[in-house]
N, C-alpha and C. Protein backbone atom coordinates (compact mmCIF):
# COMPACT_ATOMS: atom_id res chain seq x y z
N MET A 1 84.36 108.54 134.34
CA MET A 1 83.88 108.78 132.98
C MET A 1 85.00 109.34 132.10
N ASP A 2 85.73 110.31 132.68
CA ASP A 2 86.84 110.90 131.94
C ASP A 2 87.91 109.87 131.64
N ASP A 3 88.13 108.96 132.63
CA ASP A 3 89.14 107.91 132.43
C ASP A 3 88.75 106.99 131.28
N LEU A 4 87.46 106.65 131.22
CA LEU A 4 86.98 105.78 130.14
C LEU A 4 87.14 106.46 128.79
N ARG A 5 86.84 107.77 128.75
CA ARG A 5 86.97 108.51 127.50
C ARG A 5 88.43 108.56 127.06
N GLU A 6 89.33 108.76 128.02
CA GLU A 6 90.76 108.82 127.71
C GLU A 6 91.26 107.49 127.18
N VAL A 7 90.81 106.39 127.80
CA VAL A 7 91.20 105.05 127.35
C VAL A 7 90.69 104.80 125.94
N SER A 8 89.44 105.21 125.69
CA SER A 8 88.84 105.03 124.37
C SER A 8 89.60 105.81 123.31
N GLN A 9 89.97 107.05 123.64
CA GLN A 9 90.72 107.87 122.68
C GLN A 9 92.10 107.28 122.42
N SER A 10 92.72 106.75 123.48
CA SER A 10 94.04 106.15 123.33
C SER A 10 93.98 104.93 122.42
N ARG A 11 92.92 104.10 122.61
CA ARG A 11 92.75 102.92 121.77
C ARG A 11 92.50 103.31 120.32
N GLN A 12 91.74 104.41 120.13
CA GLN A 12 91.45 104.87 118.78
C GLN A 12 92.72 105.34 118.09
N ARG A 13 93.60 106.03 118.84
CA ARG A 13 94.86 106.49 118.25
C ARG A 13 95.73 105.31 117.84
N GLU A 14 95.78 104.28 118.70
CA GLU A 14 96.57 103.09 118.37
C GLU A 14 96.01 102.40 117.14
N SER A 15 94.67 102.36 117.06
CA SER A 15 94.02 101.75 115.90
C SER A 15 94.35 102.52 114.63
N ASN A 16 94.34 103.86 114.73
CA ASN A 16 94.66 104.70 113.57
C ASN A 16 96.08 104.44 113.09
N LYS A 17 97.02 104.32 114.05
CA LYS A 17 98.41 104.08 113.69
C LYS A 17 98.56 102.77 112.94
N THR A 18 97.84 101.73 113.41
CA THR A 18 97.90 100.42 112.76
C THR A 18 97.37 100.50 111.34
N ILE A 19 96.24 101.20 111.18
CA ILE A 19 95.64 101.34 109.85
C ILE A 19 96.59 102.06 108.90
N TYR A 20 97.19 103.15 109.37
CA TYR A 20 98.09 103.91 108.51
C TYR A 20 99.35 103.12 108.18
N MET A 21 99.82 102.31 109.13
CA MET A 21 101.00 101.50 108.87
C MET A 21 100.71 100.47 107.78
N VAL A 22 99.54 99.83 107.86
CA VAL A 22 99.14 98.85 106.85
C VAL A 22 99.00 99.51 105.49
N MET A 23 98.38 100.70 105.47
CA MET A 23 98.23 101.43 104.21
C MET A 23 99.58 101.76 103.60
N SER A 24 100.51 102.15 104.45
CA SER A 24 101.85 102.49 103.96
C SER A 24 102.55 101.28 103.38
N LEU A 25 102.41 100.12 104.05
CA LEU A 25 103.04 98.91 103.54
C LEU A 25 102.47 98.52 102.18
N ILE A 26 101.15 98.69 102.03
CA ILE A 26 100.52 98.41 100.74
C ILE A 26 101.10 99.34 99.68
N LEU A 27 101.24 100.61 100.05
CA LEU A 27 101.81 101.60 99.12
C LEU A 27 103.22 101.21 98.71
N ILE A 28 104.01 100.76 99.68
CA ILE A 28 105.39 100.38 99.40
C ILE A 28 105.46 99.24 98.39
N PHE A 29 104.68 98.18 98.62
CA PHE A 29 104.76 97.01 97.76
C PHE A 29 104.17 97.25 96.38
N THR A 30 103.12 98.08 96.30
CA THR A 30 102.50 98.33 95.00
C THR A 30 103.27 99.34 94.18
N SER A 31 104.11 100.14 94.84
CA SER A 31 104.85 101.19 94.13
C SER A 31 106.29 100.81 93.86
N PHE A 32 106.76 99.71 94.43
CA PHE A 32 108.19 99.41 94.36
C PHE A 32 108.70 99.29 92.93
N TRP A 33 107.88 98.76 92.03
CA TRP A 33 108.32 98.56 90.65
C TRP A 33 108.44 99.87 89.89
N ILE A 34 107.84 100.96 90.43
CA ILE A 34 107.90 102.24 89.73
C ILE A 34 109.17 102.99 90.07
N TYR A 35 109.55 103.01 91.34
CA TYR A 35 110.71 103.77 91.79
C TYR A 35 111.65 102.85 92.56
N SER A 36 112.93 103.02 92.34
CA SER A 36 113.92 102.29 93.13
C SER A 36 115.06 103.23 93.45
N SER A 37 115.80 102.91 94.50
CA SER A 37 116.88 103.79 94.93
C SER A 37 118.09 102.95 95.32
N PRO A 38 118.97 102.61 94.37
CA PRO A 38 120.12 101.78 94.66
C PRO A 38 120.97 102.38 95.77
N ASN A 39 121.35 101.54 96.74
CA ASN A 39 122.21 101.97 97.85
C ASN A 39 121.61 103.11 98.66
N GLY A 40 120.30 103.28 98.55
CA GLY A 40 119.64 104.29 99.36
C GLY A 40 119.74 105.70 98.84
N VAL A 41 120.44 105.92 97.72
CA VAL A 41 120.63 107.27 97.21
C VAL A 41 120.36 107.28 95.72
N SER A 42 119.64 108.29 95.24
CA SER A 42 119.40 108.37 93.81
C SER A 42 119.15 109.81 93.39
N ILE A 43 119.32 110.06 92.10
CA ILE A 43 118.98 111.35 91.52
C ILE A 43 117.66 111.17 90.78
N LEU A 44 116.71 112.07 90.99
CA LEU A 44 115.40 111.92 90.37
C LEU A 44 115.40 112.44 88.94
N SER A 45 114.38 112.04 88.20
CA SER A 45 114.25 112.49 86.82
C SER A 45 113.93 113.98 86.78
N GLU A 46 114.15 114.59 85.62
CA GLU A 46 113.90 116.02 85.47
C GLU A 46 112.45 116.37 85.76
N ASN A 47 111.53 115.49 85.35
CA ASN A 47 110.11 115.76 85.55
C ASN A 47 109.77 115.89 87.03
N ARG A 48 110.33 115.01 87.85
CA ARG A 48 110.03 115.05 89.28
C ARG A 48 110.79 116.17 89.96
N GLU A 49 111.93 116.56 89.41
CA GLU A 49 112.67 117.68 89.98
C GLU A 49 111.82 118.95 89.94
N LYS A 50 111.07 119.12 88.86
CA LYS A 50 110.27 120.33 88.71
C LYS A 50 109.18 120.42 89.78
N LEU A 51 108.82 119.29 90.37
CA LEU A 51 107.78 119.26 91.39
C LEU A 51 108.35 119.32 92.80
N ALA A 52 109.66 119.39 92.92
CA ALA A 52 110.32 119.17 94.20
C ALA A 52 109.82 120.06 95.32
N ILE A 53 109.63 121.32 95.06
CA ILE A 53 109.28 122.25 96.13
C ILE A 53 107.83 122.72 95.99
N ASP A 54 107.12 122.15 95.05
CA ASP A 54 105.74 122.56 94.78
C ASP A 54 104.77 121.66 95.54
N PHE A 55 104.59 121.95 96.82
CA PHE A 55 103.67 121.13 97.61
C PHE A 55 102.92 122.01 98.61
N VAL A 56 101.83 121.47 99.10
CA VAL A 56 101.05 122.14 100.15
C VAL A 56 100.85 121.14 101.28
N ALA A 57 101.10 121.58 102.50
CA ALA A 57 100.88 120.74 103.68
C ALA A 57 100.33 121.65 104.78
N HIS A 58 100.17 121.11 105.98
CA HIS A 58 99.64 121.90 107.10
C HIS A 58 100.48 121.67 108.34
N ASP A 59 100.61 122.72 109.16
CA ASP A 59 101.32 122.53 110.42
C ASP A 59 100.39 121.88 111.43
N LEU A 60 100.88 121.67 112.64
CA LEU A 60 100.10 120.93 113.63
C LEU A 60 98.89 121.70 114.14
N SER A 61 98.84 123.00 113.86
CA SER A 61 97.68 123.79 114.26
C SER A 61 96.65 123.87 113.14
N GLY A 62 96.98 123.27 111.97
CA GLY A 62 96.06 123.27 110.84
C GLY A 62 96.31 124.37 109.83
N LYS A 63 97.32 125.20 110.07
CA LYS A 63 97.63 126.30 109.15
C LYS A 63 98.31 125.77 107.90
N LYS A 64 97.86 126.27 106.73
CA LYS A 64 98.43 125.82 105.46
C LYS A 64 99.85 126.33 105.28
N PHE A 65 100.70 125.45 104.74
CA PHE A 65 102.09 125.82 104.44
C PHE A 65 102.38 125.48 102.99
N GLU A 66 102.91 126.44 102.24
CA GLU A 66 103.24 126.22 100.84
C GLU A 66 104.75 126.06 100.68
N GLY A 67 105.14 124.96 100.05
CA GLY A 67 106.56 124.68 99.88
C GLY A 67 107.30 125.72 99.08
N SER A 68 106.59 126.43 98.22
CA SER A 68 107.23 127.44 97.38
C SER A 68 107.88 128.55 98.20
N THR A 69 107.45 128.71 99.46
CA THR A 69 108.05 129.74 100.31
C THR A 69 109.49 129.38 100.69
N LEU A 70 109.90 128.15 100.41
CA LEU A 70 111.25 127.70 100.74
C LEU A 70 112.25 127.98 99.62
N LEU A 71 111.77 128.46 98.49
CA LEU A 71 112.68 128.77 97.38
C LEU A 71 113.75 129.76 97.84
N GLY A 72 114.98 129.51 97.41
CA GLY A 72 116.10 130.35 97.83
C GLY A 72 116.90 129.73 98.96
N LYS A 73 116.37 128.64 99.54
CA LYS A 73 117.07 127.92 100.60
C LYS A 73 117.45 126.52 100.14
N THR A 74 118.49 125.96 100.75
CA THR A 74 118.76 124.54 100.60
C THR A 74 117.90 123.84 101.65
N VAL A 75 117.08 122.89 101.21
CA VAL A 75 116.07 122.29 102.09
C VAL A 75 116.20 120.77 102.11
N LEU A 76 116.06 120.20 103.30
CA LEU A 76 115.97 118.75 103.43
C LEU A 76 114.53 118.42 103.80
N LEU A 77 113.81 117.76 102.88
CA LEU A 77 112.47 117.27 103.18
C LEU A 77 112.60 115.89 103.80
N ASP A 78 112.02 115.72 104.97
CA ASP A 78 112.07 114.45 105.69
C ASP A 78 110.67 113.87 105.76
N PHE A 79 110.39 112.85 104.93
CA PHE A 79 109.10 112.17 104.98
C PHE A 79 109.21 111.04 106.00
N TRP A 80 108.36 111.10 107.02
CA TRP A 80 108.46 110.15 108.12
C TRP A 80 107.08 109.75 108.61
N ALA A 81 107.03 108.80 109.55
CA ALA A 81 105.77 108.35 110.13
C ALA A 81 105.97 108.09 111.62
N VAL A 82 104.92 108.24 112.39
CA VAL A 82 105.03 108.11 113.85
C VAL A 82 105.39 106.70 114.28
N TRP A 83 105.05 105.70 113.46
CA TRP A 83 105.31 104.31 113.82
C TRP A 83 106.64 103.81 113.26
N CYS A 84 107.39 104.69 112.60
CA CYS A 84 108.66 104.31 111.95
C CYS A 84 109.83 104.54 112.92
N ALA A 85 110.36 103.44 113.46
CA ALA A 85 111.46 103.54 114.44
C ALA A 85 112.71 104.23 113.86
N PRO A 86 113.15 103.89 112.64
CA PRO A 86 114.32 104.57 112.08
C PRO A 86 114.10 106.08 111.89
N CYS A 87 112.85 106.46 111.60
CA CYS A 87 112.54 107.89 111.45
C CYS A 87 112.79 108.62 112.77
N ILE A 88 112.28 108.04 113.84
CA ILE A 88 112.41 108.65 115.15
C ILE A 88 113.85 108.61 115.63
N ALA A 89 114.56 107.53 115.31
CA ALA A 89 115.96 107.41 115.70
C ALA A 89 116.82 108.47 115.03
N ALA A 90 116.36 108.99 113.89
CA ALA A 90 117.12 110.00 113.15
C ALA A 90 116.91 111.41 113.68
N PHE A 91 115.94 111.61 114.57
CA PHE A 91 115.65 112.96 115.09
C PHE A 91 116.90 113.68 115.61
N PRO A 92 117.72 113.04 116.46
CA PRO A 92 118.89 113.75 116.99
C PRO A 92 119.86 114.22 115.90
N GLU A 93 120.09 113.37 114.88
CA GLU A 93 120.99 113.77 113.80
C GLU A 93 120.41 114.91 112.98
N LEU A 94 119.10 114.89 112.79
CA LEU A 94 118.46 115.97 112.04
C LEU A 94 118.51 117.28 112.84
N ASN A 95 118.32 117.18 114.15
CA ASN A 95 118.46 118.37 115.00
C ASN A 95 119.87 118.95 114.88
N ARG A 96 120.84 118.06 114.86
CA ARG A 96 122.24 118.48 114.76
C ARG A 96 122.51 119.15 113.41
N LEU A 97 121.96 118.58 112.35
CA LEU A 97 122.11 119.18 111.02
C LEU A 97 121.50 120.57 110.98
N GLU A 98 120.30 120.69 111.50
CA GLU A 98 119.61 121.99 111.51
C GLU A 98 120.43 123.03 112.26
N ALA A 99 120.99 122.63 113.39
CA ALA A 99 121.76 123.57 114.21
C ALA A 99 123.06 123.99 113.53
N GLU A 100 123.76 123.03 112.94
CA GLU A 100 125.07 123.31 112.36
C GLU A 100 125.00 124.04 111.02
N LEU A 101 123.93 123.80 110.26
CA LEU A 101 123.86 124.34 108.90
C LEU A 101 122.88 125.49 108.75
N LYS A 102 122.25 125.89 109.85
CA LYS A 102 121.24 126.94 109.77
C LYS A 102 121.80 128.23 109.19
N LYS A 103 123.04 128.54 109.52
CA LYS A 103 123.66 129.77 109.02
C LYS A 103 123.99 129.68 107.53
N SER A 104 123.90 128.48 106.97
CA SER A 104 124.19 128.28 105.55
C SER A 104 122.93 128.33 104.70
N ASN A 105 121.90 129.02 105.21
CA ASN A 105 120.63 129.14 104.48
C ASN A 105 120.01 127.77 104.24
N PHE A 106 120.07 126.94 105.28
CA PHE A 106 119.59 125.55 105.21
C PHE A 106 118.43 125.36 106.17
N GLU A 107 117.44 124.57 105.74
CA GLU A 107 116.29 124.30 106.61
C GLU A 107 115.81 122.87 106.42
N ILE A 108 115.43 122.24 107.52
CA ILE A 108 114.83 120.91 107.48
C ILE A 108 113.32 121.05 107.67
N VAL A 109 112.57 120.32 106.86
CA VAL A 109 111.11 120.29 106.99
C VAL A 109 110.68 118.84 107.09
N GLY A 110 110.15 118.45 108.24
CA GLY A 110 109.65 117.10 108.42
C GLY A 110 108.19 117.03 108.01
N ILE A 111 107.84 116.06 107.16
CA ILE A 111 106.46 115.91 106.70
C ILE A 111 105.97 114.52 107.10
N ALA A 112 105.02 114.50 108.02
CA ALA A 112 104.48 113.23 108.50
C ALA A 112 103.41 112.71 107.54
N LEU A 113 103.55 111.44 107.15
CA LEU A 113 102.57 110.78 106.30
C LEU A 113 102.06 109.52 107.00
N TYR A 114 100.81 109.14 106.73
CA TYR A 114 100.23 107.92 107.28
C TYR A 114 100.43 107.85 108.80
N SER A 115 100.18 108.97 109.46
CA SER A 115 100.46 109.07 110.90
C SER A 115 99.26 109.53 111.71
N GLY A 116 98.07 109.46 111.15
CA GLY A 116 96.89 109.88 111.88
C GLY A 116 96.71 111.39 111.85
N ASN A 117 96.07 111.93 112.88
CA ASN A 117 95.81 113.36 112.92
C ASN A 117 96.89 114.09 113.74
N SER A 118 96.69 115.38 113.93
CA SER A 118 97.70 116.19 114.62
C SER A 118 97.92 115.72 116.05
N ASP A 119 96.87 115.22 116.72
CA ASP A 119 97.03 114.73 118.09
C ASP A 119 97.93 113.50 118.14
N ASP A 120 97.79 112.62 117.15
CA ASP A 120 98.64 111.43 117.09
C ASP A 120 100.10 111.83 116.91
N ILE A 121 100.33 112.81 116.06
CA ILE A 121 101.70 113.26 115.79
C ILE A 121 102.27 113.99 117.00
N LYS A 122 101.46 114.84 117.62
CA LYS A 122 101.91 115.56 118.82
C LYS A 122 102.29 114.59 119.93
N GLU A 123 101.54 113.50 120.05
CA GLU A 123 101.81 112.51 121.08
C GLU A 123 103.22 111.94 120.92
N THR A 124 103.63 111.72 119.67
CA THR A 124 104.98 111.22 119.40
C THR A 124 106.02 112.31 119.63
N LEU A 125 105.75 113.51 119.13
CA LEU A 125 106.71 114.60 119.23
C LEU A 125 106.94 115.04 120.67
N ASP A 126 105.92 114.89 121.51
CA ASP A 126 106.06 115.29 122.92
C ASP A 126 107.11 114.46 123.65
N LYS A 127 107.45 113.31 123.09
CA LYS A 127 108.44 112.43 123.72
C LYS A 127 109.86 112.72 123.24
N HIS A 128 109.98 113.65 122.29
CA HIS A 128 111.29 113.92 121.69
C HIS A 128 111.50 115.42 121.52
N VAL A 129 112.76 115.80 121.36
CA VAL A 129 113.11 117.19 121.09
C VAL A 129 113.27 117.36 119.59
N ILE A 130 112.49 118.26 118.99
CA ILE A 130 112.56 118.52 117.56
C ILE A 130 112.81 120.01 117.36
N ASN A 131 113.88 120.34 116.64
CA ASN A 131 114.25 121.75 116.45
C ASN A 131 113.93 122.28 115.06
N TYR A 132 113.14 121.55 114.30
CA TYR A 132 112.83 121.98 112.94
C TYR A 132 111.33 121.88 112.68
N ARG A 133 110.90 122.42 111.56
CA ARG A 133 109.48 122.50 111.22
C ARG A 133 108.89 121.11 110.95
N ILE A 134 107.72 120.86 111.52
CA ILE A 134 106.99 119.61 111.28
C ILE A 134 105.64 119.94 110.64
N LEU A 135 105.35 119.24 109.54
CA LEU A 135 104.09 119.42 108.82
C LEU A 135 103.36 118.09 108.69
N ILE A 136 102.07 118.18 108.40
CA ILE A 136 101.26 116.99 108.10
C ILE A 136 100.93 117.02 106.62
N GLY A 137 101.28 115.96 105.91
CA GLY A 137 101.05 115.93 104.47
C GLY A 137 99.84 115.12 104.08
N ASP A 138 99.34 115.38 102.88
CA ASP A 138 98.27 114.57 102.30
C ASP A 138 98.89 113.23 101.89
N ASN A 139 98.45 112.16 102.51
CA ASN A 139 99.11 110.86 102.35
C ASN A 139 99.28 110.44 100.90
N ASP A 140 98.18 110.30 100.17
CA ASP A 140 98.24 109.77 98.81
C ASP A 140 98.88 110.76 97.85
N GLU A 141 98.49 112.03 97.95
CA GLU A 141 98.99 113.03 97.00
C GLU A 141 100.50 113.18 97.09
N LEU A 142 101.03 113.33 98.29
CA LEU A 142 102.46 113.57 98.44
C LEU A 142 103.28 112.30 98.23
N SER A 143 102.78 111.16 98.71
CA SER A 143 103.55 109.93 98.53
C SER A 143 103.67 109.58 97.05
N GLN A 144 102.62 109.83 96.27
CA GLN A 144 102.67 109.55 94.84
C GLN A 144 103.52 110.59 94.11
N ARG A 145 103.36 111.84 94.47
CA ARG A 145 104.11 112.90 93.79
C ARG A 145 105.61 112.73 93.96
N TYR A 146 106.02 112.37 95.17
CA TYR A 146 107.45 112.26 95.44
C TYR A 146 107.98 110.83 95.32
N GLY A 147 107.10 109.89 95.06
CA GLY A 147 107.57 108.51 94.94
C GLY A 147 108.07 107.96 96.26
N VAL A 148 107.39 108.30 97.36
CA VAL A 148 107.78 107.81 98.68
C VAL A 148 107.28 106.37 98.82
N ILE A 149 108.21 105.43 98.88
CA ILE A 149 107.83 104.01 98.96
C ILE A 149 108.29 103.38 100.26
N GLY A 150 108.85 104.15 101.15
CA GLY A 150 109.30 103.64 102.43
C GLY A 150 109.71 104.80 103.32
N PHE A 151 109.90 104.52 104.59
CA PHE A 151 110.26 105.56 105.55
C PHE A 151 111.53 105.17 106.31
N PRO A 152 112.37 106.14 106.63
CA PRO A 152 112.27 107.54 106.21
C PRO A 152 112.74 107.72 104.77
N THR A 153 112.23 108.75 104.11
CA THR A 153 112.71 109.16 102.79
C THR A 153 113.04 110.64 102.87
N TYR A 154 114.24 110.99 102.41
CA TYR A 154 114.70 112.38 102.45
C TYR A 154 114.96 112.88 101.04
N PHE A 155 114.64 114.15 100.82
CA PHE A 155 114.98 114.81 99.56
C PHE A 155 115.78 116.07 99.89
N LEU A 156 116.96 116.18 99.30
CA LEU A 156 117.76 117.39 99.46
C LEU A 156 117.46 118.29 98.26
N ILE A 157 116.94 119.48 98.55
CA ILE A 157 116.44 120.39 97.53
C ILE A 157 117.38 121.60 97.40
N THR A 158 117.68 121.98 96.17
CA THR A 158 118.55 123.13 95.93
C THR A 158 117.78 124.44 96.12
N PRO A 159 118.48 125.57 96.22
CA PRO A 159 117.79 126.86 96.34
C PRO A 159 116.86 127.17 95.16
N GLU A 160 117.09 126.52 94.02
CA GLU A 160 116.22 126.71 92.86
C GLU A 160 114.96 125.86 92.95
N GLY A 161 114.90 124.98 93.96
CA GLY A 161 113.71 124.16 94.14
C GLY A 161 113.75 122.82 93.43
N THR A 162 114.94 122.39 92.98
CA THR A 162 115.06 121.10 92.31
C THR A 162 115.74 120.09 93.24
N VAL A 163 115.51 118.81 92.98
CA VAL A 163 116.08 117.76 93.82
C VAL A 163 117.56 117.56 93.49
N PHE A 164 118.39 117.64 94.51
CA PHE A 164 119.81 117.34 94.35
C PHE A 164 120.05 115.85 94.59
N LYS A 165 119.40 115.31 95.62
CA LYS A 165 119.59 113.89 95.92
C LYS A 165 118.43 113.37 96.78
N LYS A 166 118.18 112.08 96.63
CA LYS A 166 117.15 111.39 97.42
C LYS A 166 117.83 110.30 98.25
N TYR A 167 117.46 110.21 99.52
CA TYR A 167 118.01 109.20 100.42
C TYR A 167 116.84 108.39 100.97
N VAL A 168 116.98 107.06 100.98
CA VAL A 168 115.88 106.21 101.43
C VAL A 168 116.35 105.24 102.50
N GLY A 169 115.57 105.14 103.57
CA GLY A 169 115.83 104.14 104.59
C GLY A 169 116.78 104.59 105.68
N GLU A 170 117.11 103.66 106.54
CA GLU A 170 118.03 103.91 107.66
C GLU A 170 119.45 103.86 107.13
N LEU A 171 120.09 105.02 107.04
CA LEU A 171 121.41 105.11 106.41
C LEU A 171 122.50 105.37 107.43
N PRO A 172 123.60 104.60 107.38
CA PRO A 172 124.72 104.89 108.27
C PRO A 172 125.40 106.19 107.87
N GLY A 173 125.79 106.98 108.86
CA GLY A 173 126.47 108.23 108.56
C GLY A 173 125.59 109.25 107.87
N LEU A 174 124.29 109.25 108.21
CA LEU A 174 123.34 110.17 107.57
C LEU A 174 123.79 111.62 107.69
N PHE A 175 124.20 112.00 108.89
CA PHE A 175 124.61 113.39 109.14
C PHE A 175 125.73 113.80 108.19
N ASP A 176 126.78 112.97 108.11
CA ASP A 176 127.93 113.32 107.28
C ASP A 176 127.58 113.33 105.80
N ARG A 177 126.75 112.38 105.37
CA ARG A 177 126.34 112.33 103.96
C ARG A 177 125.64 113.62 103.55
N ILE A 178 124.65 114.00 104.33
CA ILE A 178 123.86 115.17 103.97
C ILE A 178 124.68 116.44 104.10
N LYS A 179 125.49 116.52 105.14
CA LYS A 179 126.32 117.72 105.34
C LYS A 179 127.25 117.94 104.15
N LYS A 180 127.87 116.86 103.66
CA LYS A 180 128.77 116.97 102.51
C LYS A 180 128.00 117.42 101.27
N ASP A 181 126.79 116.88 101.10
CA ASP A 181 126.00 117.26 99.92
C ASP A 181 125.54 118.71 100.01
N VAL A 182 125.20 119.17 101.21
CA VAL A 182 124.83 120.59 101.39
C VAL A 182 126.02 121.48 101.05
N GLU A 183 127.21 121.07 101.46
CA GLU A 183 128.41 121.84 101.16
C GLU A 183 128.66 121.90 99.65
N LYS A 184 128.36 120.79 98.95
CA LYS A 184 128.50 120.78 97.49
C LYS A 184 127.54 121.78 96.85
N ILE A 185 126.30 121.80 97.35
CA ILE A 185 125.31 122.74 96.82
C ILE A 185 125.75 124.17 97.08
N ASN A 186 126.19 124.45 98.31
CA ASN A 186 126.62 125.81 98.65
C ASN A 186 127.79 126.25 97.78
N LYS A 187 128.73 125.34 97.56
CA LYS A 187 129.89 125.67 96.73
C LYS A 187 129.46 126.00 95.31
N LYS A 188 128.53 125.20 94.79
CA LYS A 188 128.03 125.42 93.42
C LYS A 188 127.36 126.77 93.30
N TYR A 189 126.50 127.11 94.26
CA TYR A 189 125.75 128.35 94.16
C TYR A 189 126.59 129.56 94.53
N ASP A 190 127.57 129.38 95.42
CA ASP A 190 128.50 130.47 95.71
C ASP A 190 129.33 130.79 94.47
N GLN A 191 129.76 129.74 93.76
CA GLN A 191 130.55 129.93 92.55
C GLN A 191 129.72 130.60 91.47
N ALA A 192 128.45 130.17 91.36
CA ALA A 192 127.56 130.76 90.36
C ALA A 192 127.36 132.25 90.64
N GLY A 193 127.25 132.60 91.92
CA GLY A 193 127.09 134.01 92.29
C GLY A 193 128.33 134.82 91.97
N SER A 194 129.51 134.22 92.20
CA SER A 194 130.76 134.91 91.90
C SER A 194 130.92 135.13 90.40
N ASP A 195 130.56 134.10 89.62
CA ASP A 195 130.66 134.21 88.16
C ASP A 195 129.73 135.30 87.64
N GLN A 196 128.53 135.38 88.22
CA GLN A 196 127.58 136.40 87.79
C GLN A 196 128.09 137.79 88.12
N GLY A 197 128.78 137.89 89.27
CA GLY A 197 129.35 139.17 89.66
C GLY A 197 130.41 139.62 88.68
N VAL A 198 131.22 138.68 88.20
CA VAL A 198 132.26 139.01 87.23
C VAL A 198 131.63 139.48 85.93
N VAL A 199 130.55 138.77 85.50
CA VAL A 199 129.86 139.14 84.27
C VAL A 199 129.30 140.55 84.37
N ASN A 200 128.77 140.88 85.56
CA ASN A 200 128.17 142.20 85.75
C ASN A 200 129.19 143.28 86.08
N GLY A 201 130.46 142.88 86.15
CA GLY A 201 131.50 143.85 86.43
C GLY A 201 131.58 144.28 87.87
N ILE A 202 131.11 143.40 88.79
CA ILE A 202 131.14 143.74 90.22
C ILE A 202 132.50 143.38 90.80
């Protein structure tokens, strides 16, 4: 009896993944004319920058997480899905980024969309090593707010909570690209802090 229940649950999870994948593809094709990202990288409009860190999601235990708590850090938002092979292939590079840049006030937050429930996501994560925070997002609300039209989609957020850069798709040299951009952000904010110190006579 338990075996039958387990098989049924497994089939249901696979069915959920298929449904969410189809929904995501529909979202991609219907939204493509609104947002585009030449060469996989783009700067967002001022209006969307203001929304960059203003989101609510939940961790795998169901606890609410507010993006505003990340203000003051350089953050990489990783929008991914359990059925997205390039998303999963990027896990090792993202782990490496988190480890190397953690001392630079940097944090990665993975947000799963169109991926079923927490059990479906845990099933995928159990097969991989993830060293950064994973959240479950509201599919329609977050995909529309951030203009997510494909997976993976990354947003590099400044300590002020605005978008520095958007990266879309499977990108060669992802680690080096993001690391260089984080260094640019750090340099900018370090310089701003030094200038403020001079103004204040420190």
